[in-house]
Amino acid sequence: MIREIIVVEGRDDTAAVQRAVVADTIETGGSALSEEVIARIRLAQATRGVIILTDPDYPGERIRRILSARVPGCKHAFLSREEASRNGKIGVEYASPEAIRRALAAVQTEMPEQPEAITWEELMAAGLCSGPGARRRREALGRRLGIGYANARQFHKRLRVFGVSREMFYRALREVEEGFAAVGVGARAKGEGDAGP
């Protein structure tokens, strides 16, 4: 049984989580977070701890951001869009039990910002902020670091919040580059464009 309470968006997400692990959940009821739901999540965080597992889409990321700001110290589990997709739909409910277990095993905990955090300039130099392939690179790097996909500004924030060290960042970046090279993808020249953060 997982000690922490897992925050998901709805009943179908709860069912998917409970097919994968023995755990209690709190459902947000979508992206319109009520004060009552936030109060329950605060209580859960104080008594057992909370793991946020929301859909890898804009509403799911919005819920994650709101809860991070309103309930400090939450843990986060991330599913990639590929792991949480079926027939063109995206959601935790579509993830396999194995994908959910992997996400929960790689949970990340928010930390105070680190003084040696990766700078915005370093992200730009690594081709993660804009230009061809930036999105694909952030997605691969986020998967490698266990912090999920985000736009450039949110990705920069996640690196700081989750305390990703320079060593971890550059090791993962090298692995991503090597993986792209192995499959013949020009990491900086190919892939979908990304006009900005």
Protein backbone atom coordinates (compact mmCIF):
# COMPACT_ATOMS: atom_id res chain seq x y z
CA MET A 1 0.00 0.00 0.00
CA ILE A 2 1.21 3.48 -0.83
CA ARG A 3 1.29 5.65 2.30
CA GLU A 4 0.63 8.97 0.54
CA ILE A 5 -2.76 9.92 -0.87
CA ILE A 6 -2.68 10.23 -4.66
CA VAL A 7 -4.41 13.29 -6.13
CA VAL A 8 -6.09 12.57 -9.47
CA GLU A 9 -8.66 14.40 -11.56
CA GLY A 10 -11.62 12.01 -11.61
CA ARG A 11 -13.22 8.61 -10.88
CA ASP A 12 -11.77 6.93 -13.96
CA ASP A 13 -8.29 8.03 -12.85
CA THR A 14 -8.93 6.57 -9.39
CA ALA A 15 -9.95 3.27 -11.00
CA ALA A 16 -6.78 3.23 -13.12
CA VAL A 17 -4.57 3.94 -10.09
CA GLN A 18 -6.30 1.25 -8.04
CA ARG A 19 -5.77 -1.30 -10.84
CA ALA A 20 -2.03 -0.56 -10.52
CA VAL A 21 -1.46 -0.15 -6.77
CA VAL A 22 -3.23 -0.22 -3.41
CA ALA A 23 -3.72 3.46 -2.62
CA ASP A 24 -6.22 6.06 -1.50
CA THR A 25 -7.04 8.96 -3.81
CA ILE A 26 -8.54 12.42 -3.73
CA GLU A 27 -10.33 13.48 -6.90
CA THR A 28 -10.17 17.14 -7.88
CA GLY A 29 -13.28 16.91 -10.03
CA GLY A 30 -11.47 18.55 -12.93
CA SER A 31 -9.51 21.76 -13.13
CA ALA A 32 -11.97 23.93 -11.19
CA LEU A 33 -10.39 23.29 -7.79
CA SER A 34 -12.79 24.15 -4.98
CA GLU A 35 -11.62 25.43 -1.61
CA GLU A 36 -13.10 22.28 -0.07
CA VAL A 37 -10.92 20.02 -2.25
CA ILE A 38 -7.83 22.12 -1.56
CA ALA A 39 -8.55 21.90 2.20
CA ARG A 40 -8.80 18.07 1.95
CA ILE A 41 -5.51 17.95 0.05
CA ARG A 42 -3.86 20.18 2.70
CA LEU A 43 -5.08 17.84 5.43
CA ALA A 44 -3.85 14.79 3.49
CA GLN A 45 -0.45 16.45 3.01
CA ALA A 46 -0.20 17.17 6.74
CA THR A 47 -1.21 13.67 7.84
CA ARG A 48 0.01 11.21 5.18
CA GLY A 49 1.62 13.17 2.37
CA VAL A 50 0.33 13.73 -1.15
CA ILE A 51 1.41 12.57 -4.60
CA ILE A 52 -0.03 14.56 -7.49
CA LEU A 53 -0.73 12.43 -10.59
CA THR A 54 -2.65 14.51 -13.11
CA ASP A 55 -3.18 14.14 -16.85
CA PRO A 56 -0.21 15.16 -19.03
CA ASP A 57 -2.16 17.98 -20.71
CA TYR A 58 -2.81 21.67 -20.09
CA PRO A 59 -5.64 21.24 -17.52
CA GLY A 60 -3.62 18.60 -15.64
CA GLU A 61 -0.57 20.86 -15.54
CA ARG A 62 -2.76 23.76 -14.38
CA ILE A 63 -4.04 21.65 -11.45
CA ARG A 64 -0.46 20.66 -10.61
CA ARG A 65 0.69 24.32 -10.59
CA ILE A 66 -2.22 25.47 -8.41
CA LEU A 67 -1.69 22.67 -5.90
CA SER A 68 2.07 23.29 -5.79
CA ALA A 69 1.41 26.92 -4.91
CA ARG A 70 -1.40 26.26 -2.41
CA VAL A 71 -0.12 23.03 -0.79
CA PRO A 72 3.69 23.23 -0.46
CA GLY A 73 5.87 20.12 -0.33
CA CYS A 74 3.75 17.85 -2.51
CA LYS A 75 5.31 14.94 -4.32
CA HIS A 76 4.76 14.60 -8.06
CA ALA A 77 4.43 11.60 -10.36
CA PHE A 78 4.46 12.11 -14.12
CA LEU A 79 3.14 10.10 -17.04
CA SER A 80 4.24 10.93 -20.58
CA ARG A 81 1.61 11.72 -23.18
CA GLU A 82 2.41 8.42 -24.90
CA GLU A 83 1.89 6.43 -21.69
CA ALA A 84 -1.44 8.15 -21.00
CA SER A 85 -2.99 8.08 -24.50
CA ARG A 86 -5.54 5.87 -26.17
CA ASN A 87 -7.43 6.51 -29.39
CA GLY A 88 -6.38 10.17 -29.44
CA LYS A 89 -7.50 10.82 -25.86
CA ILE A 90 -5.13 11.72 -23.03
CA GLY A 91 -5.58 10.94 -19.35
CA VAL A 92 -4.33 8.94 -16.38
CA GLU A 93 -7.33 6.68 -16.98
CA TYR A 94 -5.74 5.44 -20.24
CA ALA A 95 -2.35 4.55 -18.70
CA SER A 96 -1.46 0.92 -18.14
CA PRO A 97 -0.95 -0.35 -14.59
CA GLU A 98 2.76 -0.77 -15.40
CA ALA A 99 3.09 2.88 -16.52
CA ILE A 100 1.34 4.08 -13.34
CA ARG A 101 3.61 1.94 -11.17
CA ARG A 102 6.69 3.32 -12.97
CA ALA A 103 5.46 6.90 -12.49
CA LEU A 104 4.85 6.31 -8.77
CA ALA A 105 8.25 4.62 -8.37
CA ALA A 106 9.94 7.71 -9.86
CA VAL A 107 8.08 10.24 -7.70
CA GLN A 108 9.75 13.66 -7.33
CA THR A 109 9.56 15.89 -4.24
CA GLU A 110 9.50 19.66 -4.40
CA MET A 111 12.47 21.31 -2.73
CA PRO A 112 13.45 24.90 -1.99
CA GLU A 113 15.24 26.44 -4.96
CA GLN A 114 18.89 25.51 -5.15
CA PRO A 115 21.55 28.23 -5.45
CA GLU A 116 23.36 26.29 -8.20
CA ALA A 117 20.24 25.87 -10.35
CA ILE A 118 20.48 25.52 -14.12
CA THR A 119 20.19 28.97 -15.68
CA TRP A 120 17.88 30.08 -18.47
CA GLU A 121 20.97 30.74 -20.60
CA GLU A 122 22.06 27.12 -20.15
CA LEU A 123 18.62 25.92 -21.28
CA MET A 124 18.87 28.13 -24.37
CA ALA A 125 22.39 26.88 -25.15
CA ALA A 126 21.12 23.29 -24.86
CA GLY A 127 18.41 24.02 -27.46
CA LEU A 128 15.56 23.50 -24.98
CA CYS A 129 13.82 26.89 -25.19
CA SER A 130 12.97 27.54 -28.82
CA GLY A 131 13.70 26.47 -32.33
CA PRO A 132 13.32 23.21 -34.20
CA GLY A 133 13.18 20.19 -31.91
CA ALA A 134 13.08 22.11 -28.60
CA ARG A 135 9.81 20.51 -27.55
CA ARG A 136 11.02 17.02 -28.44
CA ARG A 137 14.26 17.59 -26.50
CA ARG A 138 12.42 18.86 -23.38
CA GLU A 139 10.05 15.92 -23.57
CA ALA A 140 12.91 13.40 -23.78
CA LEU A 141 14.92 15.16 -21.07
CA GLY A 142 11.88 15.47 -18.79
CA ARG A 143 11.25 11.74 -19.17
CA ARG A 144 14.92 10.96 -18.45
CA LEU A 145 14.96 13.20 -15.32
CA GLY A 146 11.52 12.04 -14.13
CA ILE A 147 10.05 15.56 -14.10
CA GLY A 148 7.64 15.23 -17.02
CA TYR A 149 7.09 17.43 -20.05
CA ALA A 150 6.54 21.17 -19.70
CA ASN A 151 6.94 24.31 -21.78
CA ALA A 152 10.34 26.00 -21.48
CA ARG A 153 9.46 28.28 -18.54
CA GLN A 154 7.77 25.53 -16.54
CA PHE A 155 10.60 23.13 -17.38
CA HIS A 156 13.12 25.65 -16.01
CA LYS A 157 11.04 25.98 -12.85
CA ARG A 158 10.77 22.20 -12.42
CA LEU A 159 14.54 21.84 -12.66
CA ARG A 160 14.85 24.25 -9.72
CA VAL A 161 11.89 22.99 -7.68
CA PHE A 162 12.95 19.34 -7.94
CA GLY A 163 16.59 20.19 -7.20
CA VAL A 164 18.05 18.80 -10.42
CA SER A 165 21.80 19.29 -10.10
CA ARG A 166 24.07 20.39 -12.93
CA GLU A 167 25.63 16.94 -12.95
CA MET A 168 22.23 15.23 -13.28
CA PHE A 169 21.10 17.73 -15.93
CA TYR A 170 24.16 17.41 -18.16
CA ARG A 171 24.38 13.62 -17.78
CA ALA A 172 20.72 13.27 -18.81
CA LEU A 173 21.22 15.77 -21.65
CA ARG A 174 24.16 13.70 -22.98
CA GLU A 175 22.05 10.53 -22.79
CA VAL A 176 19.22 12.23 -24.71
CA GLU A 177 21.66 13.47 -27.36
CA GLU A 178 23.19 10.01 -27.68
CA GLY A 179 19.72 8.46 -27.98
CA PHE A 180 18.76 10.88 -30.75
CA ALA A 181 22.05 10.22 -32.54
CA ALA A 182 21.55 6.44 -32.26
CA VAL A 183 18.20 6.60 -34.04
CA GLY A 184 19.42 9.15 -36.57
CA VAL A 185 17.37 12.09 -35.36
CA GLY A 186 19.15 15.41 -35.54
CA ALA A 187 18.11 16.62 -32.10
CA ARG A 188 18.60 20.28 -33.00
CA ALA A 189 17.68 20.12 -36.66
CA LYS A 190 14.70 17.78 -36.78
CA GLY A 191 11.46 17.48 -34.89
CA GLU A 192 8.54 19.74 -34.49
CA GLY A 193 9.24 23.45 -34.25
CA ASP A 194 8.78 25.26 -31.00
CA ALA A 195 8.26 28.96 -31.40
CA GLY A 196 8.75 29.75 -27.76
CA PRO A 197 8.22 28.80 -24.13
